[in-house]
């Protein structure tokens, strides 16, 4: 399962922190943040991805985020 989020992550340092923390919160996940994309797209791939967990972490880091539906 892959969940995709639009964010306002501003720099590589913050992106790496978010990736590390999400990887710990969602075991076996693969997390990427594309800072080159205008939507600063966060992708979380895992067997199960809880959107609430992702959104809570973003809020904790003072990052705006929203689920992207296709």
N, C-alpha and C. Protein backbone atom coordinates (compact mmCIF):
# COMPACT_ATOMS: atom_id res chain seq x y z
N UNK A 1 0.84 -1.16 0.00
CA UNK A 1 0.00 0.00 0.00
C UNK A 1 0.89 1.23 0.00
N UNK A 2 0.50 2.21 -0.77
CA UNK A 2 1.23 3.48 -0.82
C UNK A 2 0.24 4.61 -0.51
N UNK A 3 0.62 5.47 0.42
CA UNK A 3 -0.17 6.67 0.71
C UNK A 3 0.70 7.86 0.35
N UNK A 4 0.07 8.86 -0.26
CA UNK A 4 0.79 10.03 -0.75
C UNK A 4 0.20 11.28 -0.10
N UNK A 5 1.09 12.16 0.35
CA UNK A 5 0.68 13.37 1.05
C UNK A 5 1.35 14.58 0.44
N UNK A 6 0.62 15.67 0.34
CA UNK A 6 1.16 16.97 -0.05
C UNK A 6 1.63 17.63 1.24
N UNK A 7 2.86 18.18 1.25
CA UNK A 7 3.39 18.80 2.47
C UNK A 7 4.01 20.15 2.16
N UNK A 8 4.48 20.79 3.21
CA UNK A 8 5.25 22.03 3.02
C UNK A 8 6.63 21.91 3.68
N UNK A 9 7.20 20.70 3.63
CA UNK A 9 8.55 20.48 4.16
C UNK A 9 9.50 21.42 3.42
N UNK A 10 10.30 22.14 4.18
CA UNK A 10 11.11 23.19 3.57
C UNK A 10 12.57 22.85 3.32
N UNK A 11 13.09 21.82 4.03
CA UNK A 11 14.51 21.54 3.85
C UNK A 11 14.84 20.07 4.05
N UNK A 12 16.03 19.70 3.61
CA UNK A 12 16.48 18.31 3.67
C UNK A 12 16.59 17.81 5.09
N UNK A 13 17.05 18.64 5.99
CA UNK A 13 17.22 18.22 7.39
C UNK A 13 15.89 17.77 8.00
N UNK A 14 14.85 18.58 7.80
CA UNK A 14 13.53 18.24 8.32
C UNK A 14 12.98 17.01 7.62
N UNK A 15 13.19 16.91 6.32
CA UNK A 15 12.72 15.74 5.57
C UNK A 15 13.33 14.45 6.11
N UNK A 16 14.63 14.49 6.40
CA UNK A 16 15.30 13.30 6.93
C UNK A 16 14.76 12.92 8.31
N UNK A 17 14.48 13.92 9.15
CA UNK A 17 13.91 13.65 10.48
C UNK A 17 12.55 12.97 10.34
N UNK A 18 11.73 13.50 9.46
CA UNK A 18 10.39 12.93 9.25
C UNK A 18 10.50 11.51 8.72
N UNK A 19 11.38 11.29 7.75
CA UNK A 19 11.58 9.95 7.20
C UNK A 19 12.01 8.97 8.28
N UNK A 20 12.96 9.36 9.11
CA UNK A 20 13.46 8.49 10.18
C UNK A 20 12.36 8.16 11.18
N UNK A 21 11.63 9.16 11.61
CA UNK A 21 10.58 8.92 12.61
C UNK A 21 9.43 8.08 12.06
N UNK A 22 9.04 8.33 10.81
CA UNK A 22 7.97 7.52 10.22
C UNK A 22 8.41 6.07 10.04
N UNK A 23 9.67 5.87 9.69
CA UNK A 23 10.19 4.51 9.54
C UNK A 23 10.14 3.75 10.86
N UNK A 24 10.34 4.46 11.97
CA UNK A 24 10.25 3.83 13.28
C UNK A 24 8.79 3.56 13.67
N UNK A 25 7.91 4.51 13.34
CA UNK A 25 6.49 4.37 13.70
C UNK A 25 5.77 3.32 12.85
N UNK A 26 6.24 3.15 11.62
CA UNK A 26 5.61 2.20 10.69
C UNK A 26 6.68 1.20 10.26
N UNK A 27 6.86 0.13 11.05
CA UNK A 27 7.91 -0.86 10.76
C UNK A 27 7.77 -1.44 9.33
N UNK A 28 8.92 -1.60 8.69
CA UNK A 28 8.93 -2.17 7.34
C UNK A 28 8.51 -1.21 6.25
N UNK A 29 8.41 0.08 6.60
CA UNK A 29 7.97 1.06 5.61
C UNK A 29 9.13 1.62 4.80
N UNK A 30 8.79 2.16 3.65
CA UNK A 30 9.73 2.88 2.79
C UNK A 30 9.15 4.28 2.65
N UNK A 31 9.90 5.29 3.11
CA UNK A 31 9.39 6.66 3.17
C UNK A 31 10.28 7.57 2.32
N UNK A 32 9.66 8.37 1.47
CA UNK A 32 10.41 9.34 0.68
C UNK A 32 9.69 10.69 0.71
N UNK A 33 10.47 11.75 0.59
CA UNK A 33 9.92 13.10 0.44
C UNK A 33 10.64 13.74 -0.74
N UNK A 34 9.86 14.14 -1.73
CA UNK A 34 10.41 14.74 -2.93
C UNK A 34 10.39 16.26 -2.79
N UNK A 35 11.51 16.82 -2.37
CA UNK A 35 11.60 18.26 -2.17
C UNK A 35 11.66 19.03 -3.49
N UNK A 36 11.93 18.36 -4.59
CA UNK A 36 11.98 19.00 -5.90
C UNK A 36 10.58 19.23 -6.46
N UNK A 37 9.61 18.44 -6.01
CA UNK A 37 8.23 18.55 -6.47
C UNK A 37 7.58 19.78 -5.83
N UNK A 38 6.73 20.47 -6.56
CA UNK A 38 6.09 21.68 -6.03
C UNK A 38 5.19 21.37 -4.83
N UNK A 39 4.72 20.14 -4.72
CA UNK A 39 3.87 19.73 -3.60
C UNK A 39 4.64 19.08 -2.46
N UNK A 40 5.98 19.03 -2.58
CA UNK A 40 6.83 18.41 -1.54
C UNK A 40 6.23 17.06 -1.11
N UNK A 41 6.05 16.18 -2.09
CA UNK A 41 5.30 14.94 -1.92
C UNK A 41 6.00 13.96 -0.98
N UNK A 42 5.23 13.52 0.03
CA UNK A 42 5.65 12.50 0.98
C UNK A 42 4.95 11.21 0.58
N UNK A 43 5.74 10.16 0.34
CA UNK A 43 5.19 8.84 0.00
C UNK A 43 5.57 7.86 1.09
N UNK A 44 4.58 7.11 1.56
CA UNK A 44 4.83 6.09 2.56
C UNK A 44 4.32 4.77 2.00
N UNK A 45 5.24 3.81 1.86
CA UNK A 45 4.89 2.50 1.33
C UNK A 45 5.11 1.46 2.43
N UNK A 46 4.06 0.68 2.72
CA UNK A 46 4.14 -0.36 3.75
C UNK A 46 2.93 -1.27 3.60
N UNK A 47 2.94 -2.37 4.33
CA UNK A 47 1.78 -3.26 4.30
C UNK A 47 0.54 -2.54 4.80
N UNK A 48 0.70 -1.76 5.86
CA UNK A 48 -0.40 -0.96 6.40
C UNK A 48 0.13 0.43 6.70
N UNK A 49 -0.58 1.43 6.23
CA UNK A 49 -0.20 2.82 6.48
C UNK A 49 -1.39 3.52 7.10
N UNK A 50 -1.21 4.01 8.32
CA UNK A 50 -2.26 4.75 9.01
C UNK A 50 -2.06 6.25 8.73
N UNK A 51 -2.98 6.82 7.99
CA UNK A 51 -2.88 8.24 7.64
C UNK A 51 -2.84 9.12 8.88
N UNK A 52 -3.56 8.73 9.92
CA UNK A 52 -3.59 9.51 11.16
C UNK A 52 -2.20 9.58 11.78
N UNK A 53 -1.47 8.47 11.77
CA UNK A 53 -0.11 8.44 12.32
C UNK A 53 0.78 9.43 11.56
N UNK A 54 0.68 9.42 10.25
CA UNK A 54 1.49 10.31 9.42
C UNK A 54 1.12 11.77 9.70
N UNK A 55 -0.17 12.06 9.71
CA UNK A 55 -0.62 13.43 9.92
C UNK A 55 -0.24 13.95 11.31
N UNK A 56 -0.31 13.08 12.33
CA UNK A 56 0.07 13.49 13.68
C UNK A 56 1.56 13.84 13.76
N UNK A 57 2.39 13.05 13.09
CA UNK A 57 3.82 13.35 13.08
C UNK A 57 4.09 14.67 12.36
N UNK A 58 3.44 14.88 11.23
CA UNK A 58 3.63 16.13 10.50
C UNK A 58 3.23 17.32 11.38
N UNK A 59 2.10 17.19 12.06
CA UNK A 59 1.64 18.26 12.94
C UNK A 59 2.65 18.52 14.06
N UNK A 60 3.19 17.45 14.63
CA UNK A 60 4.20 17.56 15.69
C UNK A 60 5.43 18.32 15.19
N UNK A 61 5.77 18.11 13.92
CA UNK A 61 6.93 18.78 13.33
C UNK A 61 6.59 20.14 12.74
N UNK A 62 5.33 20.59 12.94
CA UNK A 62 4.85 21.86 12.43
C UNK A 62 4.90 21.93 10.90
N UNK A 63 4.54 20.81 10.29
CA UNK A 63 4.49 20.71 8.83
C UNK A 63 3.04 20.53 8.41
N UNK A 64 2.61 21.32 7.45
CA UNK A 64 1.26 21.16 6.91
C UNK A 64 1.26 19.95 5.99
N UNK A 65 0.18 19.20 6.05
CA UNK A 65 0.08 18.03 5.18
C UNK A 65 -1.36 17.69 4.88
N UNK A 66 -1.56 17.11 3.72
CA UNK A 66 -2.90 16.63 3.35
C UNK A 66 -2.75 15.42 2.46
N UNK A 67 -3.70 14.50 2.59
CA UNK A 67 -3.68 13.29 1.77
C UNK A 67 -4.01 13.67 0.34
N UNK A 68 -3.24 13.13 -0.59
CA UNK A 68 -3.52 13.35 -2.01
C UNK A 68 -4.30 12.17 -2.53
N UNK A 69 -5.51 12.43 -3.01
CA UNK A 69 -6.35 11.39 -3.60
C UNK A 69 -6.28 11.52 -5.11
N UNK A 70 -6.21 10.38 -5.76
CA UNK A 70 -6.07 10.38 -7.22
C UNK A 70 -7.32 9.95 -7.86
